C-alpha atoms as a PDB file:
ATOM      1  CA  UNK A   1       0.000   0.000   0.000  1.00  0.00           C
ATOM      2  CA  UNK A   2       1.232   3.491  -0.804  1.00  0.00           C
ATOM      3  CA  UNK A   3      -0.015   6.973  -0.118  1.00  0.00           C
ATOM      4  CA  UNK A   4      -0.657   8.636   3.205  1.00  0.00           C
ATOM      5  CA  UNK A   5      -3.762   7.712   5.152  1.00  0.00           C
ATOM      6  CA  UNK A   6      -6.445  10.281   5.921  1.00  0.00           C
ATOM      7  CA  UNK A   7      -6.546   8.959   9.452  1.00  0.00           C
ATOM      8  CA  UNK A   8      -5.459  11.624  11.941  1.00  0.00           C
ATOM      9  CA  UNK A   9      -3.282  11.286  15.043  1.00  0.00           C
ATOM     10  CA  UNK A  10      -5.073  10.296  18.216  1.00  0.00           C
ATOM     11  CA  UNK A  11      -5.519  13.058  20.808  1.00  0.00           C
ATOM     12  CA  UNK A  12      -3.461  12.560  23.955  1.00  0.00           C
ATOM     13  CA  UNK A  13      -6.531  11.882  26.062  1.00  0.00           C
ATOM     14  CA  UNK A  14      -7.077   8.562  24.263  1.00  0.00           C
ATOM     15  CA  UNK A  15      -3.761   7.270  25.568  1.00  0.00           C
ATOM     16  CA  UNK A  16      -4.653   8.377  29.079  1.00  0.00           C
ATOM     17  CA  UNK A  17      -8.078   6.701  28.876  1.00  0.00           C
ATOM     18  CA  UNK A  18      -6.546   3.494  27.516  1.00  0.00           C
ATOM     19  CA  UNK A  19      -3.907   3.327  30.242  1.00  0.00           C
ATOM     20  CA  UNK A  20      -6.551   3.878  32.907  1.00  0.00           C
ATOM     21  CA  UNK A  21      -8.753   1.156  31.410  1.00  0.00           C
ATOM     22  CA  UNK A  22      -5.792  -1.189  30.915  1.00  0.00           C
ATOM     23  CA  UNK A  23      -4.679  -0.971  34.544  1.00  0.00           C
ATOM     24  CA  UNK A  24      -8.257  -1.332  35.765  1.00  0.00           C
ATOM     25  CA  UNK A  25      -8.663  -4.433  33.567  1.00  0.00           C
ATOM     26  CA  UNK A  26      -5.363  -5.845  34.827  1.00  0.00           C
ATOM     27  CA  UNK A  27      -6.245  -5.250  38.469  1.00  0.00           C
ATOM     28  CA  UNK A  28      -9.614  -6.938  37.872  1.00  0.00           C
ATOM     29  CA  UNK A  29      -7.997  -9.989  36.291  1.00  0.00           C
ATOM     30  CA  UNK A  30      -5.241 -10.433  38.884  1.00  0.00           C
ATOM     31  CA  UNK A  31      -7.430 -11.841  41.701  1.00  0.00           C
ATOM     32  CA  UNK A  32      -9.386 -13.917  39.177  1.00  0.00           C
ATOM     33  CA  UNK A  33      -6.147 -15.319  37.799  1.00  0.00           C
ATOM     34  CA  UNK A  34      -4.819 -15.962  41.288  1.00  0.00           C
ATOM     35  CA  UNK A  35      -7.908 -17.898  42.315  1.00  0.00           C
ATOM     36  CA  UNK A  36      -8.119 -19.840  39.063  1.00  0.00           C
ATOM     37  CA  UNK A  37      -4.430 -20.750  38.976  1.00  0.00           C
ATOM     38  CA  UNK A  38      -4.528 -22.190  42.496  1.00  0.00           C
ATOM     39  CA  UNK A  39      -6.953 -24.773  41.180  1.00  0.00           C
ATOM     40  CA  UNK A  40      -5.027 -25.583  37.998  1.00  0.00           C
ATOM     41  CA  UNK A  41      -2.081 -24.347  35.971  1.00  0.00           C
ATOM     42  CA  UNK A  42      -4.217 -24.820  32.859  1.00  0.00           C
ATOM     43  CA  UNK A  43      -6.608 -22.235  34.276  1.00  0.00           C
ATOM     44  CA  UNK A  44      -3.717 -19.787  34.545  1.00  0.00           C
ATOM     45  CA  UNK A  45      -3.013 -20.179  30.820  1.00  0.00           C
ATOM     46  CA  UNK A  46      -6.655 -19.463  30.004  1.00  0.00           C
ATOM     47  CA  UNK A  47      -6.774 -16.364  32.225  1.00  0.00           C
ATOM     48  CA  UNK A  48      -3.532 -15.108  30.675  1.00  0.00           C
ATOM     49  CA  UNK A  49      -5.082 -15.292  27.217  1.00  0.00           C
ATOM     50  CA  UNK A  50      -8.323 -13.660  28.365  1.00  0.00           C
ATOM     51  CA  UNK A  51      -6.321 -10.801  29.907  1.00  0.00           C
ATOM     52  CA  UNK A  52      -4.242 -10.269  26.752  1.00  0.00           C
ATOM     53  CA  UNK A  53      -7.282 -10.449  24.485  1.00  0.00           C
ATOM     54  CA  UNK A  54      -9.166  -7.932  26.639  1.00  0.00           C
ATOM     55  CA  UNK A  55      -6.228  -5.518  26.634  1.00  0.00           C
ATOM     56  CA  UNK A  56      -5.936  -5.637  22.841  1.00  0.00           C
ATOM     57  CA  UNK A  57      -9.705  -5.106  22.540  1.00  0.00           C
ATOM     58  CA  UNK A  58      -9.415  -1.980  24.715  1.00  0.00           C
ATOM     59  CA  UNK A  59      -6.541  -0.789  22.556  1.00  0.00           C
ATOM     60  CA  UNK A  60      -8.656  -1.176  19.426  1.00  0.00           C
ATOM     61  CA  UNK A  61     -11.779   0.373  20.970  1.00  0.00           C
ATOM     62  CA  UNK A  62     -10.178   3.403  22.631  1.00  0.00           C
ATOM     63  CA  UNK A  63      -7.146   4.177  20.468  1.00  0.00           C
ATOM     64  CA  UNK A  64      -8.113   2.588  17.157  1.00  0.00           C
ATOM     65  CA  UNK A  65      -4.968   0.426  17.122  1.00  0.00           C
ATOM     66  CA  UNK A  66      -5.361  -2.968  15.488  1.00  0.00           C
ATOM     67  CA  UNK A  67      -2.851  -5.479  14.153  1.00  0.00           C
ATOM     68  CA  UNK A  68      -2.064  -7.905  11.384  1.00  0.00           C
ATOM     69  CA  UNK A  69       0.222 -10.940  11.360  1.00  0.00           C
ATOM     70  CA  UNK A  70       2.357 -12.140   8.482  1.00  0.00           C
ATOM     71  CA  UNK A  71       4.373 -15.300   8.043  1.00  0.00           C
ATOM     72  CA  UNK A  72       2.313 -17.709  10.111  1.00  0.00           C
ATOM     73  CA  UNK A  73       3.415 -20.391   7.627  1.00  0.00           C
ATOM     74  CA  UNK A  74       6.926 -20.019   9.055  1.00  0.00           C
ATOM     75  CA  UNK A  75       5.814 -21.235  12.501  1.00  0.00           C
ATOM     76  CA  UNK A  76       5.987 -25.046  12.796  1.00  0.00           C
ATOM     77  CA  UNK A  77       3.854 -27.138  15.115  1.00  0.00           C
ATOM     78  CA  UNK A  78       6.786 -28.254  17.266  1.00  0.00           C
ATOM     79  CA  UNK A  79       8.587 -26.246  19.925  1.00  0.00           C
ATOM     80  CA  UNK A  80      10.761 -23.407  18.659  1.00  0.00           C
ATOM     81  CA  UNK A  81      12.487 -20.351  20.019  1.00  0.00           C
ATOM     82  CA  UNK A  82      11.058 -16.979  19.034  1.00  0.00           C
ATOM     83  CA  UNK A  83      13.570 -14.128  18.992  1.00  0.00           C
ATOM     84  CA  UNK A  84      11.430 -10.992  18.950  1.00  0.00           C
ATOM     85  CA  UNK A  85      12.151  -7.324  18.330  1.00  0.00           C
ATOM     86  CA  UNK A  86      11.039  -5.421  21.435  1.00  0.00           C
ATOM     87  CA  UNK A  87       9.719  -1.888  20.875  1.00  0.00           C
ATOM     88  CA  UNK A  88       6.582  -1.766  22.985  1.00  0.00           C
ATOM     89  CA  UNK A  89       4.388  -3.466  25.563  1.00  0.00           C
ATOM     90  CA  UNK A  90       2.155  -4.436  22.642  1.00  0.00           C
ATOM     91  CA  UNK A  91       4.072  -7.575  21.623  1.00  0.00           C
ATOM     92  CA  UNK A  92       3.918  -9.028  25.132  1.00  0.00           C
ATOM     93  CA  UNK A  93       0.144  -9.032  24.713  1.00  0.00           C
ATOM     94  CA  UNK A  94      -0.158 -10.146  21.098  1.00  0.00           C
ATOM     95  CA  UNK A  95       2.254 -13.081  21.320  1.00  0.00           C
ATOM     96  CA  UNK A  96       0.135 -14.612  24.073  1.00  0.00           C
ATOM     97  CA  UNK A  97      -2.644 -14.926  21.507  1.00  0.00           C
ATOM     98  CA  UNK A  98      -0.600 -15.829  18.427  1.00  0.00           C
ATOM     99  CA  UNK A  99       1.337 -18.642  20.131  1.00  0.00           C
ATOM    100  CA  UNK A 100       0.130 -21.586  22.180  1.00  0.00           C
ATOM    101  CA  UNK A 101       1.154 -21.023  25.812  1.00  0.00           C
ATOM    102  CA  UNK A 102       4.584 -19.520  25.087  1.00  0.00           C
ATOM    103  CA  UNK A 103       7.186 -19.302  27.853  1.00  0.00           C
ATOM    104  CA  UNK A 104       8.670 -15.796  27.910  1.00  0.00           C
ATOM    105  CA  UNK A 105      12.134 -15.033  29.198  1.00  0.00           C
ATOM    106  CA  UNK A 106      11.504 -12.200  31.676  1.00  0.00           C
ATOM    107  CA  UNK A 107      13.679 -10.203  34.035  1.00  0.00           C
ATOM    108  CA  UNK A 108      13.755 -11.524  37.584  1.00  0.00           C
ATOM    109  CA  UNK A 109      12.331  -8.287  38.984  1.00  0.00           C
ATOM    110  CA  UNK A 110       8.967  -9.002  37.368  1.00  0.00           C
ATOM    111  CA  UNK A 111       8.732 -12.340  39.153  1.00  0.00           C
ATOM    112  CA  UNK A 112       8.984 -10.490  42.472  1.00  0.00           C
ATOM    113  CA  UNK A 113       5.980  -8.229  41.884  1.00  0.00           C
ATOM    114  CA  UNK A 114       3.235  -9.269  44.341  1.00  0.00           C
ATOM    115  CA  UNK A 115       0.493 -11.443  42.778  1.00  0.00           C
ATOM    116  CA  UNK A 116       1.578 -10.625  39.214  1.00  0.00           C
ATOM    117  CA  UNK A 117       4.957 -12.288  39.716  1.00  0.00           C
ATOM    118  CA  UNK A 118       3.348 -15.355  41.265  1.00  0.00           C
ATOM    119  CA  UNK A 119       1.080 -15.671  38.242  1.00  0.00           C
ATOM    120  CA  UNK A 120       4.089 -15.405  35.932  1.00  0.00           C
ATOM    121  CA  UNK A 121       5.596 -18.277  37.866  1.00  0.00           C
ATOM    122  CA  UNK A 122       2.397 -20.324  37.579  1.00  0.00           C
ATOM    123  CA  UNK A 123       2.297 -19.971  33.789  1.00  0.00           C
ATOM    124  CA  UNK A 124       5.912 -21.082  33.565  1.00  0.00           C
ATOM    125  CA  UNK A 125       7.728 -17.931  32.543  1.00  0.00           C
ATOM    126  CA  UNK A 126      11.523 -18.100  32.577  1.00  0.00           C
ATOM    127  CA  UNK A 127      13.249 -15.790  35.017  1.00  0.00           C
ATOM    128  CA  UNK A 128      16.697 -14.352  34.326  1.00  0.00           C
ATOM    129  CA  UNK A 129      18.864 -12.258  36.606  1.00  0.00           C
ATOM    130  CA  UNK A 130      20.498  -9.851  34.178  1.00  0.00           C
ATOM    131  CA  UNK A 131      23.319  -9.135  36.629  1.00  0.00           C
ATOM    132  CA  UNK A 132      23.803 -12.754  37.714  1.00  0.00           C
ATOM    133  CA  UNK A 133      26.509 -13.749  35.237  1.00  0.00           C
ATOM    134  CA  UNK A 134      27.125 -17.361  34.263  1.00  0.00           C
ATOM    135  CA  UNK A 135      25.048 -18.893  37.053  1.00  0.00           C
ATOM    136  CA  UNK A 136      21.976 -16.933  35.972  1.00  0.00           C
ATOM    137  CA  UNK A 137      22.551 -17.958  32.361  1.00  0.00           C
ATOM    138  CA  UNK A 138      22.752 -21.644  33.312  1.00  0.00           C
ATOM    139  CA  UNK A 139      19.568 -21.369  35.365  1.00  0.00           C
ATOM    140  CA  UNK A 140      17.733 -19.752  32.446  1.00  0.00           C
ATOM    141  CA  UNK A 141      18.906 -22.462  30.060  1.00  0.00           C
ATOM    142  CA  UNK A 142      17.853 -25.229  32.452  1.00  0.00           C
ATOM    143  CA  UNK A 143      14.350 -23.831  32.835  1.00  0.00           C
ATOM    144  CA  UNK A 144      14.032 -23.284  29.078  1.00  0.00           C
ATOM    145  CA  UNK A 145      14.928 -26.927  28.470  1.00  0.00           C
ATOM    146  CA  UNK A 146      12.102 -27.949  30.784  1.00  0.00           C
ATOM    147  CA  UNK A 147       9.622 -25.774  28.897  1.00  0.00           C
ATOM    148  CA  UNK A 148      10.671 -27.223  25.536  1.00  0.00           C
ATOM    149  CA  UNK A 149      10.309 -30.728  26.983  1.00  0.00           C
ATOM    150  CA  UNK A 150       6.741 -29.741  27.904  1.00  0.00           C
ATOM    151  CA  UNK A 151       6.090 -28.939  24.236  1.00  0.00           C
ATOM    152  CA  UNK A 152       6.127 -25.164  24.665  1.00  0.00           C
ATOM    153  CA  UNK A 153       7.912 -22.537  22.613  1.00  0.00           C
ATOM    154  CA  UNK A 154      10.322 -20.022  24.112  1.00  0.00           C
ATOM    155  CA  UNK A 155      10.023 -16.273  23.525  1.00  0.00           C
ATOM    156  CA  UNK A 156      13.073 -14.097  24.108  1.00  0.00           C
ATOM    157  CA  UNK A 157      13.766 -10.445  23.376  1.00  0.00           C
ATOM    158  CA  UNK A 158      17.431 -10.487  22.258  1.00  0.00           C
ATOM    159  CA  UNK A 159      18.013  -6.842  23.200  1.00  0.00           C
ATOM    160  CA  UNK A 160      16.762  -7.510  26.714  1.00  0.00           C
ATOM    161  CA  UNK A 161      14.601  -4.391  26.901  1.00  0.00           C
ATOM    162  CA  UNK A 162      12.299  -2.227  24.830  1.00  0.00           C
ATOM    163  CA  UNK A 163      14.301  -0.291  22.285  1.00  0.00           C
ATOM    164  CA  UNK A 164      13.057   3.047  20.905  1.00  0.00           C
ATOM    165  CA  UNK A 165      12.219   3.024  17.227  1.00  0.00           C
ATOM    166  CA  UNK A 166      15.254   3.667  15.051  1.00  0.00           C
ATOM    167  CA  UNK A 167      17.718   2.609  17.728  1.00  0.00           C
ATOM    168  CA  UNK A 168      19.604  -0.656  18.109  1.00  0.00           C
ATOM    169  CA  UNK A 169      20.873  -2.316  21.258  1.00  0.00           C
ATOM    170  CA  UNK A 170      23.488  -5.095  21.392  1.00  0.00           C
ATOM    171  CA  UNK A 171      21.965  -8.551  21.276  1.00  0.00           C
ATOM    172  CA  UNK A 172      22.567 -10.270  24.620  1.00  0.00           C
ATOM    173  CA  UNK A 173      24.484 -13.574  24.917  1.00  0.00           C
ATOM    174  CA  UNK A 174      21.436 -15.303  26.411  1.00  0.00           C
ATOM    175  CA  UNK A 175      19.873 -15.811  23.006  1.00  0.00           C
ATOM    176  CA  UNK A 176      23.022 -17.529  21.725  1.00  0.00           C
ATOM    177  CA  UNK A 177      23.179 -19.712  24.843  1.00  0.00           C
ATOM    178  CA  UNK A 178      19.585 -20.838  24.339  1.00  0.00           C
ATOM    179  CA  UNK A 179      20.164 -21.450  20.630  1.00  0.00           C
ATOM    180  CA  UNK A 180      23.058 -23.792  21.391  1.00  0.00           C
ATOM    181  CA  UNK A 181      21.421 -25.562  24.326  1.00  0.00           C
ATOM    182  CA  UNK A 182      17.896 -26.084  23.008  1.00  0.00           C
ATOM    183  CA  UNK A 183      18.798 -27.302  19.510  1.00  0.00           C
ATOM    184  CA  UNK A 184      15.493 -26.108  18.038  1.00  0.00           C
ATOM    185  CA  UNK A 185      14.784 -23.767  15.110  1.00  0.00           C
ATOM    186  CA  UNK A 186      14.786 -20.054  15.887  1.00  0.00           C
ATOM    187  CA  UNK A 187      12.061 -17.876  14.362  1.00  0.00           C
ATOM    188  CA  UNK A 188      13.124 -14.219  14.040  1.00  0.00           C
ATOM    189  CA  UNK A 189      10.129 -11.932  14.662  1.00  0.00           C
ATOM    190  CA  UNK A 190       9.972  -8.376  13.311  1.00  0.00           C
ATOM    191  CA  UNK A 191       7.402  -5.702  14.101  1.00  0.00           C
ATOM    192  CA  UNK A 192       6.678  -1.969  14.054  1.00  0.00           C
ATOM    193  CA  UNK A 193       4.744  -1.542  17.313  1.00  0.00           C
ATOM    194  CA  UNK A 194       7.008   1.269  18.508  1.00  0.00           C
ATOM    195  CA  UNK A 195       5.472   3.600  15.925  1.00  0.00           C
ATOM    196  CA  UNK A 196       2.059   3.322  17.556  1.00  0.00           C
ATOM    197  CA  UNK A 197       2.789   2.575  21.235  1.00  0.00           C
ATOM    198  CA  UNK A 198       6.208   4.100  21.986  1.00  0.00           C
ATOM    199  CA  UNK A 199       8.310   3.118  24.946  1.00  0.00           C
ATOM    200  CA  UNK A 200       7.469   5.117  28.082  1.00  0.00           C
ATOM    201  CA  UNK A 201       4.846   7.184  26.295  1.00  0.00           C
ATOM    202  CA  UNK A 202       1.139   7.658  26.931  1.00  0.00           C
ATOM    203  CA  UNK A 203       0.535   9.086  23.446  1.00  0.00           C
ATOM    204  CA  UNK A 204      -0.702   6.065  21.523  1.00  0.00           C
ATOM    205  CA  UNK A 205      -1.588   6.281  17.833  1.00  0.00           C
ATOM    206  CA  UNK A 206      -4.295   4.593  15.741  1.00  0.00           C
ATOM    207  CA  UNK A 207      -3.347   2.339  12.866  1.00  0.00           C
ATOM    208  CA  UNK A 208      -2.314  -1.247  12.231  1.00  0.00           C
ATOM    209  CA  UNK A 209       0.694  -2.847  13.913  1.00  0.00           C
ATOM    210  CA  UNK A 210       2.358  -5.482  11.751  1.00  0.00           C
ATOM    211  CA  UNK A 211       4.036  -8.511  13.315  1.00  0.00           C
ATOM    212  CA  UNK A 212       5.961 -10.781  10.968  1.00  0.00           C
ATOM    213  CA  UNK A 213       7.280 -14.281  11.626  1.00  0.00           C
ATOM    214  CA  UNK A 214      10.363 -14.641   9.429  1.00  0.00           C
ATOM    215  CA  UNK A 215      11.848 -17.884   8.013  1.00  0.00           C
ATOM    216  CA  UNK A 216      13.440 -20.092  10.638  1.00  0.00           C
ATOM    217  CA  UNK A 217      17.139 -20.237  11.359  1.00  0.00           C
ATOM    218  CA  UNK A 218      18.047 -23.932  11.690  1.00  0.00           C
ATOM    219  CA  UNK A 219      19.939 -25.222  14.720  1.00  0.00           C
ATOM    220  CA  UNK A 220      23.638 -26.028  14.567  1.00  0.00           C
ATOM    221  CA  UNK A 221      25.175 -22.849  13.176  1.00  0.00           C
ATOM    222  CA  UNK A 222      28.367 -21.422  14.693  1.00  0.00           C
ATOM    223  CA  UNK A 223      27.566 -18.808  17.344  1.00  0.00           C
ATOM    224  CA  UNK A 224      28.898 -15.856  15.355  1.00  0.00           C
ATOM    225  CA  UNK A 225      27.036 -16.849  12.185  1.00  0.00           C
ATOM    226  CA  UNK A 226      23.800 -17.358  14.100  1.00  0.00           C
ATOM    227  CA  UNK A 227      23.962 -14.003  15.864  1.00  0.00           C
ATOM    228  CA  UNK A 228      24.783 -12.133  12.656  1.00  0.00           C
ATOM    229  CA  UNK A 229      21.987 -13.842  10.726  1.00  0.00           C
ATOM    230  CA  UNK A 230      19.476 -13.270  13.522  1.00  0.00           C
ATOM    231  CA  UNK A 231      20.231  -9.578  13.992  1.00  0.00           C
ATOM    232  CA  UNK A 232      20.231  -8.859  10.261  1.00  0.00           C
ATOM    233  CA  UNK A 233      16.895 -10.629   9.758  1.00  0.00           C
ATOM    234  CA  UNK A 234      15.118  -8.908  12.664  1.00  0.00           C
ATOM    235  CA  UNK A 235      16.501  -5.413  12.203  1.00  0.00           C
ATOM    236  CA  UNK A 236      16.144  -5.242   8.417  1.00  0.00           C
ATOM    237  CA  UNK A 237      12.579  -6.553   8.508  1.00  0.00           C
ATOM    238  CA  UNK A 238      11.592  -4.227  11.385  1.00  0.00           C
ATOM    239  CA  UNK A 239      12.970  -1.233   9.476  1.00  0.00           C
ATOM    240  CA  UNK A 240      10.980  -2.332   6.424  1.00  0.00           C
ATOM    241  CA  UNK A 241       7.759  -2.638   8.423  1.00  0.00           C
ATOM    242  CA  UNK A 242       8.294   0.813   9.944  1.00  0.00           C
ATOM    243  CA  UNK A 243       8.791   2.325   6.484  1.00  0.00           C
ATOM    244  CA  UNK A 244       5.610   0.641   5.235  1.00  0.00           C
ATOM    245  CA  UNK A 245       3.592   2.059   8.140  1.00  0.00           C
ATOM    246  CA  UNK A 246       4.980   5.562   7.647  1.00  0.00           C
ATOM    247  CA  UNK A 247       4.035   5.371   3.978  1.00  0.00           C
ATOM    248  CA  UNK A 248       0.445   4.563   4.962  1.00  0.00           C
ATOM    249  CA  UNK A 249       0.093   6.908   7.949  1.00  0.00           C
ATOM    250  CA  UNK A 250       1.425  10.406   7.280  1.00  0.00           C
ATOM    251  CA  UNK A 251       1.413  11.407  10.967  1.00  0.00           C
ATOM    252  CA  UNK A 252       3.889   8.714  12.098  1.00  0.00           C
END
């Protein structure tokens, strides 16, 4: 698609209203999730998906932000590792719906948040202490192996944090360690969510986020070759998706 959209930027109040509704929705779901997950871990998975789906519905209703997914044919039925560009909170919601019970690699601090952290533990998220050195890396790898043995896919953000649009952060060694240890295909995932829901911003924009599953990188490559191929695939595709969105929406 070419040519600027007639759609106009969202007023700032829409972002404020969404954030208020999002936190109210989250606080409503936390005790429900806590109660349900005590009964069964499977219930925790269901509540997690309901929460993510509700948040994306609020985003569409209040802000006018929707999404499309490309490359689903590149996602096999077996367990894989997803290496995802991280620009926004948006992808942490959407991937819960696009994948079947994925296990995210998350910073240890999140696991210590009251109630929320316990729920992350119940749904089998993988904690990593970013300052813990080799011991933390080995613990992360061990937990990830367990999740793959359970038939789940692993989601990791190679940069380790949300990166503002147009910037690049070094890819952390954890993704290479998992690649070597898990011996499963790695799906690079590109997106342009940072255009619409920027990091640390309450000014959200209407439009269509694009998430793209790219062709898999097979296991067994030398570390340096894998890291170079992964970064090139994710960054080039994310830049392309951002350019496409800017071509459609003149205000971005």
